[in-house]
Amino acid sequence: MVTTGRPRERRLIEFTDRQGRPVRFRPAATGAGLGLDLGAQVPVVHLPEQPESARAFTRRHRLSRIVGLLTGGVLFLGAAVPATLTR
């Protein structure tokens, strides 16, 4: 569940692990359009032994990481190819 509400602050997600202990974390991906409204239910994934490794498991959060890596790769290749061809 999303539990904090200032618009420019990263949201805080809270869940309970298998032992019933509360775990809180802030998602790595932030920004407009990621769908973390106050009080919303958010799917979370983590390793069973490491609830502190939790991640928000929404489609938008997964795609934001992929799009970021793809954009970085294209920019790198865009700079590397001309530098190599001008040698």
N, C-alpha and C. Protein backbone atom coordinates (compact mmCIF):
# COMPACT_ATOMS: atom_id res chain seq x y z
N MET A 1 0.84 -1.17 0.00
CA MET A 1 0.00 0.00 0.00
C MET A 1 0.89 1.24 0.00
N VAL A 2 0.51 2.24 -0.76
CA VAL A 2 1.26 3.49 -0.83
C VAL A 2 0.84 4.34 0.35
N THR A 3 1.82 4.84 1.15
CA THR A 3 1.45 5.46 2.42
C THR A 3 1.90 6.89 2.63
N THR A 4 2.54 7.54 1.70
CA THR A 4 2.90 8.94 1.91
C THR A 4 2.37 9.77 0.78
N GLY A 5 2.13 11.07 1.02
CA GLY A 5 1.37 11.78 0.03
C GLY A 5 1.84 13.09 -0.52
N ARG A 6 3.00 13.58 -0.24
CA ARG A 6 3.42 14.84 -0.85
C ARG A 6 3.71 14.59 -2.32
N PRO A 7 3.22 15.47 -3.21
CA PRO A 7 3.34 15.21 -4.64
C PRO A 7 4.77 15.10 -5.16
N ARG A 8 5.72 15.87 -4.62
CA ARG A 8 7.08 15.84 -5.14
C ARG A 8 7.99 14.89 -4.38
N GLU A 9 7.45 14.21 -3.40
CA GLU A 9 8.23 13.27 -2.61
C GLU A 9 8.02 11.87 -3.15
N ARG A 10 9.07 11.07 -3.12
CA ARG A 10 8.91 9.68 -3.56
C ARG A 10 7.97 8.96 -2.63
N ARG A 11 7.12 8.16 -3.19
CA ARG A 11 6.13 7.41 -2.41
C ARG A 11 6.79 6.34 -1.56
N LEU A 12 6.15 6.02 -0.46
CA LEU A 12 6.62 4.99 0.45
C LEU A 12 5.66 3.81 0.34
N ILE A 13 6.18 2.63 0.04
CA ILE A 13 5.35 1.44 -0.09
C ILE A 13 5.58 0.58 1.14
N GLU A 14 4.49 0.09 1.70
CA GLU A 14 4.56 -0.72 2.91
C GLU A 14 3.84 -2.05 2.68
N PHE A 15 4.45 -3.14 3.15
CA PHE A 15 3.82 -4.46 3.08
C PHE A 15 4.32 -5.27 4.25
N THR A 16 3.73 -6.44 4.46
CA THR A 16 4.21 -7.33 5.51
C THR A 16 4.84 -8.56 4.86
N ASP A 17 5.97 -9.01 5.43
CA ASP A 17 6.64 -10.19 4.88
C ASP A 17 5.97 -11.46 5.41
N ARG A 18 6.55 -12.62 5.08
CA ARG A 18 5.94 -13.89 5.47
C ARG A 18 5.89 -14.10 6.98
N GLN A 19 6.78 -13.44 7.71
CA GLN A 19 6.77 -13.55 9.17
C GLN A 19 5.84 -12.52 9.82
N GLY A 20 5.19 -11.71 9.01
CA GLY A 20 4.25 -10.72 9.53
C GLY A 20 4.89 -9.40 9.93
N ARG A 21 6.18 -9.22 9.62
CA ARG A 21 6.87 -7.97 9.96
C ARG A 21 6.59 -6.93 8.89
N PRO A 22 6.33 -5.69 9.29
CA PRO A 22 6.12 -4.63 8.30
C PRO A 22 7.44 -4.25 7.62
N VAL A 23 7.39 -4.05 6.32
CA VAL A 23 8.56 -3.63 5.54
C VAL A 23 8.15 -2.41 4.74
N ARG A 24 9.00 -1.39 4.77
CA ARG A 24 8.74 -0.16 4.02
C ARG A 24 9.90 0.09 3.07
N PHE A 25 9.58 0.59 1.87
CA PHE A 25 10.63 0.95 0.92
C PHE A 25 10.11 2.00 -0.04
N ARG A 26 11.04 2.69 -0.65
CA ARG A 26 10.70 3.68 -1.68
C ARG A 26 11.09 3.09 -3.03
N PRO A 27 10.18 3.13 -4.00
CA PRO A 27 10.51 2.55 -5.31
C PRO A 27 11.62 3.33 -5.99
N ALA A 28 12.46 2.62 -6.73
CA ALA A 28 13.59 3.25 -7.43
C ALA A 28 13.11 4.17 -8.55
N ALA A 29 12.11 3.75 -9.30
CA ALA A 29 11.58 4.55 -10.40
C ALA A 29 10.51 5.49 -9.86
N THR A 30 10.67 6.77 -10.14
CA THR A 30 9.68 7.76 -9.71
C THR A 30 9.32 8.64 -10.90
N GLY A 31 8.27 9.38 -10.75
CA GLY A 31 7.90 10.31 -11.79
C GLY A 31 6.40 10.28 -12.06
N ALA A 32 5.98 11.24 -12.84
CA ALA A 32 4.57 11.34 -13.20
C ALA A 32 4.16 10.13 -14.03
N GLY A 33 2.98 9.64 -13.80
CA GLY A 33 2.45 8.56 -14.60
C GLY A 33 2.83 7.16 -14.17
N LEU A 34 3.47 7.01 -13.01
CA LEU A 34 3.84 5.66 -12.58
C LEU A 34 2.75 5.01 -11.74
N GLY A 35 1.66 5.72 -11.51
CA GLY A 35 0.48 5.10 -10.91
C GLY A 35 0.57 4.78 -9.44
N LEU A 36 1.24 5.60 -8.65
CA LEU A 36 1.32 5.36 -7.21
C LEU A 36 0.49 6.40 -6.46
N ASP A 37 -0.80 6.25 -6.53
CA ASP A 37 -1.69 7.14 -5.82
C ASP A 37 -1.71 6.77 -4.34
N LEU A 38 -1.96 7.74 -3.49
CA LEU A 38 -2.01 7.52 -2.06
C LEU A 38 -3.07 6.49 -1.72
N GLY A 39 -2.69 5.45 -0.98
CA GLY A 39 -3.61 4.40 -0.56
C GLY A 39 -3.82 3.30 -1.58
N ALA A 40 -3.14 3.38 -2.72
CA ALA A 40 -3.31 2.38 -3.78
C ALA A 40 -2.64 1.06 -3.39
N GLN A 41 -3.20 -0.04 -3.84
CA GLN A 41 -2.59 -1.35 -3.68
C GLN A 41 -1.60 -1.54 -4.82
N VAL A 42 -0.37 -1.91 -4.49
CA VAL A 42 0.70 -2.05 -5.47
C VAL A 42 1.29 -3.45 -5.37
N PRO A 43 1.41 -4.19 -6.48
CA PRO A 43 2.07 -5.50 -6.41
C PRO A 43 3.56 -5.32 -6.11
N VAL A 44 4.08 -6.18 -5.23
CA VAL A 44 5.46 -6.10 -4.79
C VAL A 44 6.10 -7.48 -4.97
N VAL A 45 7.36 -7.51 -5.42
CA VAL A 45 8.12 -8.76 -5.52
C VAL A 45 9.41 -8.60 -4.72
N HIS A 46 9.85 -9.72 -4.12
CA HIS A 46 11.12 -9.73 -3.40
C HIS A 46 11.53 -11.18 -3.18
N LEU A 47 12.80 -11.36 -2.86
CA LEU A 47 13.29 -12.68 -2.53
C LEU A 47 12.70 -13.09 -1.17
N PRO A 48 12.31 -14.35 -1.00
CA PRO A 48 11.68 -14.76 0.26
C PRO A 48 12.52 -14.46 1.49
N GLU A 49 13.84 -14.61 1.40
CA GLU A 49 14.71 -14.39 2.55
C GLU A 49 15.12 -12.93 2.70
N GLN A 50 14.82 -12.09 1.70
CA GLN A 50 15.28 -10.70 1.72
C GLN A 50 14.14 -9.75 1.36
N PRO A 51 13.23 -9.50 2.29
CA PRO A 51 12.14 -8.58 1.97
C PRO A 51 12.63 -7.15 1.75
N GLU A 52 13.84 -6.82 2.24
CA GLU A 52 14.36 -5.47 2.01
C GLU A 52 14.77 -5.25 0.55
N SER A 53 14.81 -6.32 -0.25
CA SER A 53 15.12 -6.20 -1.68
C SER A 53 13.87 -5.99 -2.52
N ALA A 54 12.78 -5.60 -1.92
CA ALA A 54 11.49 -5.49 -2.60
C ALA A 54 11.50 -4.46 -3.71
N ARG A 55 10.70 -4.71 -4.72
CA ARG A 55 10.50 -3.80 -5.85
C ARG A 55 9.02 -3.72 -6.17
N ALA A 56 8.60 -2.55 -6.61
CA ALA A 56 7.22 -2.40 -7.11
C ALA A 56 7.15 -3.17 -8.42
N PHE A 57 6.10 -3.95 -8.61
CA PHE A 57 6.01 -4.84 -9.77
C PHE A 57 4.84 -4.43 -10.67
N THR A 58 4.75 -3.14 -10.97
CA THR A 58 3.74 -2.69 -11.91
C THR A 58 4.36 -2.66 -13.30
N ARG A 59 3.53 -2.70 -14.30
CA ARG A 59 4.03 -2.68 -15.67
C ARG A 59 4.81 -1.40 -15.94
N ARG A 60 4.31 -0.29 -15.44
CA ARG A 60 4.99 0.98 -15.67
C ARG A 60 6.37 1.02 -15.02
N HIS A 61 6.51 0.45 -13.82
CA HIS A 61 7.82 0.43 -13.17
C HIS A 61 8.80 -0.46 -13.92
N ARG A 62 8.33 -1.59 -14.42
CA ARG A 62 9.22 -2.47 -15.18
C ARG A 62 9.64 -1.81 -16.49
N LEU A 63 8.71 -1.17 -17.19
CA LEU A 63 9.02 -0.55 -18.47
C LEU A 63 9.93 0.66 -18.32
N SER A 64 9.81 1.39 -17.21
CA SER A 64 10.65 2.58 -17.04
C SER A 64 12.13 2.21 -17.01
N ARG A 65 12.47 1.10 -16.37
CA ARG A 65 13.86 0.65 -16.32
C ARG A 65 14.33 0.21 -17.71
N ILE A 66 13.50 -0.51 -18.43
CA ILE A 66 13.85 -0.99 -19.77
C ILE A 66 14.05 0.18 -20.72
N VAL A 67 13.13 1.14 -20.68
CA VAL A 67 13.23 2.31 -21.56
C VAL A 67 14.48 3.12 -21.23
N GLY A 68 14.80 3.25 -19.95
CA GLY A 68 16.02 3.98 -19.57
C GLY A 68 17.28 3.31 -20.08
N LEU A 69 17.36 2.00 -19.94
CA LEU A 69 18.54 1.27 -20.44
C LEU A 69 18.63 1.32 -21.96
N LEU A 70 17.50 1.20 -22.63
CA LEU A 70 17.48 1.26 -24.08
C LEU A 70 17.91 2.64 -24.58
N THR A 71 17.42 3.68 -23.95
CA THR A 71 17.79 5.04 -24.33
C THR A 71 19.29 5.27 -24.11
N GLY A 72 19.80 4.81 -22.98
CA GLY A 72 21.24 4.95 -22.72
C GLY A 72 22.08 4.21 -23.75
N GLY A 73 21.65 3.00 -24.13
CA GLY A 73 22.37 2.23 -25.14
C GLY A 73 22.37 2.90 -26.50
N VAL A 74 21.23 3.47 -26.88
CA VAL A 74 21.15 4.15 -28.18
C VAL A 74 22.04 5.39 -28.18
N LEU A 75 22.04 6.15 -27.07
CA LEU A 75 22.91 7.32 -26.99
C LEU A 75 24.38 6.93 -27.04
N PHE A 76 24.74 5.86 -26.36
CA PHE A 76 26.12 5.40 -26.38
C PHE A 76 26.53 5.00 -27.80
N LEU A 77 25.70 4.20 -28.46
CA LEU A 77 26.03 3.78 -29.82
C LEU A 77 26.02 4.96 -30.78
N GLY A 78 25.12 5.91 -30.54
CA GLY A 78 25.08 7.11 -31.39
C GLY A 78 26.36 7.92 -31.31
N ALA A 79 27.02 7.88 -30.17
CA ALA A 79 28.29 8.60 -30.03
C ALA A 79 29.47 7.73 -30.45
N ALA A 80 29.41 6.42 -30.20
CA ALA A 80 30.53 5.53 -30.48
C ALA A 80 30.73 5.27 -31.98
N VAL A 81 29.65 5.10 -32.71
CA VAL A 81 29.77 4.78 -34.14
C VAL A 81 30.43 5.93 -34.91
N PRO A 82 29.98 7.18 -34.77
CA PRO A 82 30.68 8.25 -35.49
C PRO A 82 32.13 8.41 -35.06
N ALA A 83 32.41 8.21 -33.77
CA ALA A 83 33.80 8.34 -33.30
C ALA A 83 34.67 7.26 -33.92
N THR A 84 34.14 6.09 -34.10
CA THR A 84 34.90 4.99 -34.70
C THR A 84 35.10 5.22 -36.19
N LEU A 85 34.07 5.73 -36.88
CA LEU A 85 34.15 5.93 -38.33
C LEU A 85 35.05 7.07 -38.71
N THR A 86 35.29 8.02 -37.84
CA THR A 86 36.16 9.16 -38.17
C THR A 86 37.63 8.91 -37.89
N ARG A 87 37.98 7.73 -37.43
CA ARG A 87 39.39 7.39 -37.18
C ARG A 87 40.14 7.20 -38.45
